[in-house]
């Protein structure tokens, strides 16, 4: 079950990166800044998901 959750984090992160980049380059006004922020959040979520899969005790202390 944990592996499914970790894979879900990675998939959501990749989706946020894609939609954030699309929004950052196609929208105008404050929507482009929100899109750029979403892309950054997606990148962080993807990195966290990969760390949770590759290094199981990374956040355990």
PDB file of N, CA and C in Angstrom:
ATOM      1  N   UNK A   1       0.819  -1.198   0.000  1.00  0.00           N
ATOM      2  CA  UNK A   1       0.000   0.000   0.000  1.00  0.00           C
ATOM      3  C   UNK A   1       0.865   1.266   0.000  1.00  0.00           C
ATOM      4  N   UNK A   2       1.978   1.200   0.720  1.00  0.00           N
ATOM      5  CA  UNK A   2       2.862   2.366   0.752  1.00  0.00           C
ATOM      6  C   UNK A   2       3.477   2.639  -0.612  1.00  0.00           C
ATOM      7  N   UNK A   3       3.784   1.570  -1.344  1.00  0.00           N
ATOM      8  CA  UNK A   3       4.385   1.750  -2.663  1.00  0.00           C
ATOM      9  C   UNK A   3       3.402   2.423  -3.623  1.00  0.00           C
ATOM     10  N   UNK A   4       2.126   2.074  -3.508  1.00  0.00           N
ATOM     11  CA  UNK A   4       1.108   2.703  -4.352  1.00  0.00           C
ATOM     12  C   UNK A   4       1.006   4.192  -4.021  1.00  0.00           C
ATOM     13  N   UNK A   5       1.042   4.530  -2.736  1.00  0.00           N
ATOM     14  CA  UNK A   5       0.989   5.932  -2.320  1.00  0.00           C
ATOM     15  C   UNK A   5       2.201   6.702  -2.838  1.00  0.00           C
ATOM     16  N   UNK A   6       3.362   6.096  -2.756  1.00  0.00           N
ATOM     17  CA  UNK A   6       4.580   6.760  -3.228  1.00  0.00           C
ATOM     18  C   UNK A   6       4.553   6.953  -4.738  1.00  0.00           C
ATOM     19  N   UNK A   7       4.068   5.952  -5.459  1.00  0.00           N
ATOM     20  CA  UNK A   7       3.940   6.090  -6.907  1.00  0.00           C
ATOM     21  C   UNK A   7       2.904   7.155  -7.257  1.00  0.00           C
ATOM     22  N   UNK A   8       1.842   7.245  -6.458  1.00  0.00           N
ATOM     23  CA  UNK A   8       0.820   8.265  -6.676  1.00  0.00           C
ATOM     24  C   UNK A   8       1.398   9.664  -6.480  1.00  0.00           C
ATOM     25  N   UNK A   9       2.280   9.829  -5.505  1.00  0.00           N
ATOM     26  CA  UNK A   9       2.938  11.123  -5.294  1.00  0.00           C
ATOM     27  C   UNK A   9       3.765  11.503  -6.521  1.00  0.00           C
ATOM     28  N   UNK A  10       4.485  10.537  -7.077  1.00  0.00           N
ATOM     29  CA  UNK A  10       5.309  10.807  -8.261  1.00  0.00           C
ATOM     30  C   UNK A  10       4.434  11.174  -9.453  1.00  0.00           C
ATOM     31  N   UNK A  11       3.350  10.446  -9.657  1.00  0.00           N
ATOM     32  CA  UNK A  11       2.459  10.720 -10.787  1.00  0.00           C
ATOM     33  C   UNK A  11       1.812  12.099 -10.648  1.00  0.00           C
ATOM     34  N   UNK A  12       1.365  12.432  -9.445  1.00  0.00           N
ATOM     35  CA  UNK A  12       0.784  13.763  -9.214  1.00  0.00           C
ATOM     36  C   UNK A  12       1.821  14.859  -9.428  1.00  0.00           C
ATOM     37  N   UNK A  13       3.044  14.610  -9.009  1.00  0.00           N
ATOM     38  CA  UNK A  13       4.104  15.590  -9.208  1.00  0.00           C
ATOM     39  C   UNK A  13       4.397  15.830 -10.677  1.00  0.00           C
ATOM     40  N   UNK A  14       4.438  14.763 -11.455  1.00  0.00           N
ATOM     41  CA  UNK A  14       4.678  14.910 -12.894  1.00  0.00           C
ATOM     42  C   UNK A  14       3.527  15.659 -13.551  1.00  0.00           C
ATOM     43  N   UNK A  15       2.295  15.352 -13.120  1.00  0.00           N
ATOM     44  CA  UNK A  15       1.137  16.074 -13.655  1.00  0.00           C
ATOM     45  C   UNK A  15       1.205  17.562 -13.307  1.00  0.00           C
ATOM     46  N   UNK A  16       1.594  17.882 -12.075  1.00  0.00           N
ATOM     47  CA  UNK A  16       1.709  19.285 -11.676  1.00  0.00           C
ATOM     48  C   UNK A  16       2.811  20.008 -12.450  1.00  0.00           C
ATOM     49  N   UNK A  17       3.904  19.316 -12.719  1.00  0.00           N
ATOM     50  CA  UNK A  17       4.975  19.930 -13.510  1.00  0.00           C
ATOM     51  C   UNK A  17       4.460  20.272 -14.906  1.00  0.00           C
ATOM     52  N   UNK A  18       3.790  19.321 -15.529  1.00  0.00           N
ATOM     53  CA  UNK A  18       3.282  19.550 -16.884  1.00  0.00           C
ATOM     54  C   UNK A  18       2.236  20.644 -16.950  1.00  0.00           C
ATOM     55  N   UNK A  19       1.261  20.589 -16.061  1.00  0.00           N
ATOM     56  CA  UNK A  19       0.208  21.604 -16.097  1.00  0.00           C
ATOM     57  C   UNK A  19       0.734  22.969 -15.660  1.00  0.00           C
ATOM     58  N   UNK A  20       1.672  22.984 -14.736  1.00  0.00           N
ATOM     59  CA  UNK A  20       2.254  24.253 -14.312  1.00  0.00           C
ATOM     60  C   UNK A  20       3.084  24.901 -15.404  1.00  0.00           C
ATOM     61  N   UNK A  21       3.865  24.110 -16.117  1.00  0.00           N
ATOM     62  CA  UNK A  21       4.652  24.661 -17.222  1.00  0.00           C
ATOM     63  C   UNK A  21       3.743  25.170 -18.334  1.00  0.00           C
ATOM     64  N   UNK A  22       2.688  24.410 -18.631  1.00  0.00           N
ATOM     65  CA  UNK A  22       1.745  24.846 -19.665  1.00  0.00           C
ATOM     66  C   UNK A  22       1.097  26.168 -19.267  1.00  0.00           C
ATOM     67  N   UNK A  23       0.664  26.254 -18.026  1.00  0.00           N
ATOM     68  CA  UNK A  23       0.018  27.472 -17.550  1.00  0.00           C
ATOM     69  C   UNK A  23       0.998  28.646 -17.511  1.00  0.00           C
ATOM     70  N   UNK A  24       2.221  28.388 -17.129  1.00  0.00           N
ATOM     71  CA  UNK A  24       3.208  29.461 -17.027  1.00  0.00           C
ATOM     72  C   UNK A  24       3.536  30.071 -18.384  1.00  0.00           C
ATOM     73  N   UNK A  25       3.461  29.276 -19.444  1.00  0.00           N
ATOM     74  CA  UNK A  25       3.838  29.791 -20.755  1.00  0.00           C
ATOM     75  C   UNK A  25       2.663  30.214 -21.621  1.00  0.00           C
ATOM     76  N   UNK A  26       1.427  29.849 -21.255  1.00  0.00           N
ATOM     77  CA  UNK A  26       0.294  30.200 -22.106  1.00  0.00           C
ATOM     78  C   UNK A  26      -0.647  31.220 -21.481  1.00  0.00           C
ATOM     79  N   UNK A  27      -0.668  31.346 -20.185  1.00  0.00           N
ATOM     80  CA  UNK A  27      -1.597  32.265 -19.514  1.00  0.00           C
ATOM     81  C   UNK A  27      -0.948  33.630 -19.314  1.00  0.00           C
ATOM     82  N   UNK A  28      -1.788  34.605 -19.023  1.00  0.00           N
ATOM     83  CA  UNK A  28      -1.299  35.956 -18.751  1.00  0.00           C
ATOM     84  C   UNK A  28      -1.775  36.387 -17.374  1.00  0.00           C
ATOM     85  N   UNK A  29      -1.134  37.399 -16.847  1.00  0.00           N
ATOM     86  CA  UNK A  29      -1.521  37.917 -15.540  1.00  0.00           C
ATOM     87  C   UNK A  29      -0.984  37.059 -14.415  1.00  0.00           C
ATOM     88  N   UNK A  30      -1.726  36.995 -13.320  1.00  0.00           N
ATOM     89  CA  UNK A  30      -1.218  36.224 -12.176  1.00  0.00           C
ATOM     90  C   UNK A  30      -1.282  34.711 -12.386  1.00  0.00           C
ATOM     91  N   UNK A  31      -2.000  34.268 -13.407  1.00  0.00           N
ATOM     92  CA  UNK A  31      -2.115  32.826 -13.642  1.00  0.00           C
ATOM     93  C   UNK A  31      -0.780  32.215 -14.049  1.00  0.00           C
ATOM     94  N   UNK A  32       0.070  32.972 -14.723  1.00  0.00           N
ATOM     95  CA  UNK A  32       1.369  32.412 -15.106  1.00  0.00           C
ATOM     96  C   UNK A  32       2.271  32.218 -13.888  1.00  0.00           C
ATOM     97  N   UNK A  33       2.186  33.113 -12.918  1.00  0.00           N
ATOM     98  CA  UNK A  33       2.975  32.945 -11.690  1.00  0.00           C
ATOM     99  C   UNK A  33       2.469  31.762 -10.875  1.00  0.00           C
ATOM    100  N   UNK A  34       1.157  31.582 -10.847  1.00  0.00           N
ATOM    101  CA  UNK A  34       0.588  30.428 -10.144  1.00  0.00           C
ATOM    102  C   UNK A  34       1.020  29.139 -10.827  1.00  0.00           C
ATOM    103  N   UNK A  35       1.039  29.135 -12.150  1.00  0.00           N
ATOM    104  CA  UNK A  35       1.493  27.958 -12.887  1.00  0.00           C
ATOM    105  C   UNK A  35       2.949  27.640 -12.617  1.00  0.00           C
ATOM    106  N   UNK A  36       3.785  28.662 -12.561  1.00  0.00           N
ATOM    107  CA  UNK A  36       5.198  28.434 -12.259  1.00  0.00           C
ATOM    108  C   UNK A  36       5.369  27.881 -10.850  1.00  0.00           C
ATOM    109  N   UNK A  37       4.566  28.375  -9.905  1.00  0.00           N
ATOM    110  CA  UNK A  37       4.619  27.859  -8.537  1.00  0.00           C
ATOM    111  C   UNK A  37       4.156  26.406  -8.490  1.00  0.00           C
ATOM    112  N   UNK A  38       3.112  26.070  -9.246  1.00  0.00           N
ATOM    113  CA  UNK A  38       2.640  24.685  -9.289  1.00  0.00           C
ATOM    114  C   UNK A  38       3.690  23.758  -9.891  1.00  0.00           C
ATOM    115  N   UNK A  39       4.426  24.237 -10.886  1.00  0.00           N
ATOM    116  CA  UNK A  39       5.492  23.420 -11.459  1.00  0.00           C
ATOM    117  C   UNK A  39       6.577  23.151 -10.418  1.00  0.00           C
ATOM    118  N   UNK A  40       6.894  24.142  -9.610  1.00  0.00           N
ATOM    119  CA  UNK A  40       7.887  23.961  -8.551  1.00  0.00           C
ATOM    120  C   UNK A  40       7.391  22.974  -7.494  1.00  0.00           C
ATOM    121  N   UNK A  41       6.126  23.090  -7.105  1.00  0.00           N
ATOM    122  CA  UNK A  41       5.545  22.158  -6.135  1.00  0.00           C
ATOM    123  C   UNK A  41       5.549  20.739  -6.700  1.00  0.00           C
ATOM    124  N   UNK A  42       5.242  20.603  -7.985  1.00  0.00           N
ATOM    125  CA  UNK A  42       5.274  19.290  -8.623  1.00  0.00           C
ATOM    126  C   UNK A  42       6.664  18.695  -8.652  1.00  0.00           C
ATOM    127  N   UNK A  43       7.664  19.529  -8.893  1.00  0.00           N
ATOM    128  CA  UNK A  43       9.039  19.045  -8.882  1.00  0.00           C
ATOM    129  C   UNK A  43       9.434  18.556  -7.495  1.00  0.00           C
ATOM    130  N   UNK A  44       9.053  19.311  -6.472  1.00  0.00           N
ATOM    131  CA  UNK A  44       9.375  18.887  -5.104  1.00  0.00           C
ATOM    132  C   UNK A  44       8.640  17.599  -4.740  1.00  0.00           C
ATOM    133  N   UNK A  45       7.382  17.471  -5.148  1.00  0.00           N
ATOM    134  CA  UNK A  45       6.624  16.253  -4.854  1.00  0.00           C
ATOM    135  C   UNK A  45       7.231  15.048  -5.559  1.00  0.00           C
ATOM    136  N   UNK A  46       7.670  15.234  -6.794  1.00  0.00           N
ATOM    137  CA  UNK A  46       8.293  14.136  -7.527  1.00  0.00           C
ATOM    138  C   UNK A  46       9.594  13.710  -6.865  1.00  0.00           C
ATOM    139  N   UNK A  47      10.405  14.663  -6.451  1.00  0.00           N
ATOM    140  CA  UNK A  47      11.667  14.337  -5.783  1.00  0.00           C
ATOM    141  C   UNK A  47      11.412  13.616  -4.469  1.00  0.00           C
ATOM    142  N   UNK A  48      10.420  14.076  -3.705  1.00  0.00           N
ATOM    143  CA  UNK A  48      10.091  13.411  -2.438  1.00  0.00           C
ATOM    144  C   UNK A  48       9.615  11.987  -2.691  1.00  0.00           C
ATOM    145  N   UNK A  49       8.777  11.789  -3.701  1.00  0.00           N
ATOM    146  CA  UNK A  49       8.304  10.443  -4.019  1.00  0.00           C
ATOM    147  C   UNK A  49       9.428   9.519  -4.439  1.00  0.00           C
ATOM    148  N   UNK A  50      10.348  10.026  -5.237  1.00  0.00           N
ATOM    149  CA  UNK A  50      11.486   9.209  -5.665  1.00  0.00           C
ATOM    150  C   UNK A  50      12.377   8.871  -4.475  1.00  0.00           C
ATOM    151  N   UNK A  51      12.602   9.836  -3.597  1.00  0.00           N
ATOM    152  CA  UNK A  51      13.399   9.558  -2.397  1.00  0.00           C
ATOM    153  C   UNK A  51      12.724   8.518  -1.512  1.00  0.00           C
ATOM    154  N   UNK A  52      11.409   8.587  -1.389  1.00  0.00           N
ATOM    155  CA  UNK A  52      10.695   7.624  -0.553  1.00  0.00           C
ATOM    156  C   UNK A  52      10.777   6.212  -1.120  1.00  0.00           C
ATOM    157  N   UNK A  53      10.864   6.087  -2.440  1.00  0.00           N
ATOM    158  CA  UNK A  53      10.972   4.758  -3.048  1.00  0.00           C
ATOM    159  C   UNK A  53      12.412   4.258  -3.013  1.00  0.00           C
ATOM    160  N   UNK A  54      13.367   5.107  -3.395  1.00  0.00           N
ATOM    161  CA  UNK A  54      14.752   4.654  -3.531  1.00  0.00           C
ATOM    162  C   UNK A  54      15.493   4.543  -2.200  1.00  0.00           C
ATOM    163  N   UNK A  55      15.186   5.409  -1.242  1.00  0.00           N
ATOM    164  CA  UNK A  55      15.849   5.398   0.062  1.00  0.00           C
ATOM    165  C   UNK A  55      14.749   5.288   1.122  1.00  0.00           C
ATOM    166  N   UNK A  56      14.334   4.068   1.470  1.00  0.00           N
ATOM    167  CA  UNK A  56      13.153   3.892   2.333  1.00  0.00           C
ATOM    168  C   UNK A  56      13.237   4.580   3.693  1.00  0.00           C
ATOM    169  N   UNK A  57      14.389   4.671   4.320  1.00  0.00           N
ATOM    170  CA  UNK A  57      14.494   5.275   5.636  1.00  0.00           C
ATOM    171  C   UNK A  57      14.928   6.730   5.617  1.00  0.00           C
ATOM    172  N   UNK A  58      14.795   7.403   4.489  1.00  0.00           N
ATOM    173  CA  UNK A  58      15.314   8.764   4.353  1.00  0.00           C
ATOM    174  C   UNK A  58      14.612   9.735   5.286  1.00  0.00           C
ATOM    175  N   UNK A  59      13.296   9.645   5.402  1.00  0.00           N
ATOM    176  CA  UNK A  59      12.550  10.556   6.261  1.00  0.00           C
ATOM    177  C   UNK A  59      12.283   9.959   7.637  1.00  0.00           C
ATOM    178  N   UNK A  60      12.747   8.756   7.876  1.00  0.00           N
ATOM    179  CA  UNK A  60      12.501   8.102   9.151  1.00  0.00           C
ATOM    180  C   UNK A  60      13.414   8.550  10.276  1.00  0.00           C
ATOM    181  N   UNK A  61      14.513   9.150   9.939  1.00  0.00           N
ATOM    182  CA  UNK A  61      15.415   9.655  10.980  1.00  0.00           C
ATOM    183  C   UNK A  61      16.561   8.797  11.159  1.00  0.00           C
TER     184      UNK A  61
END
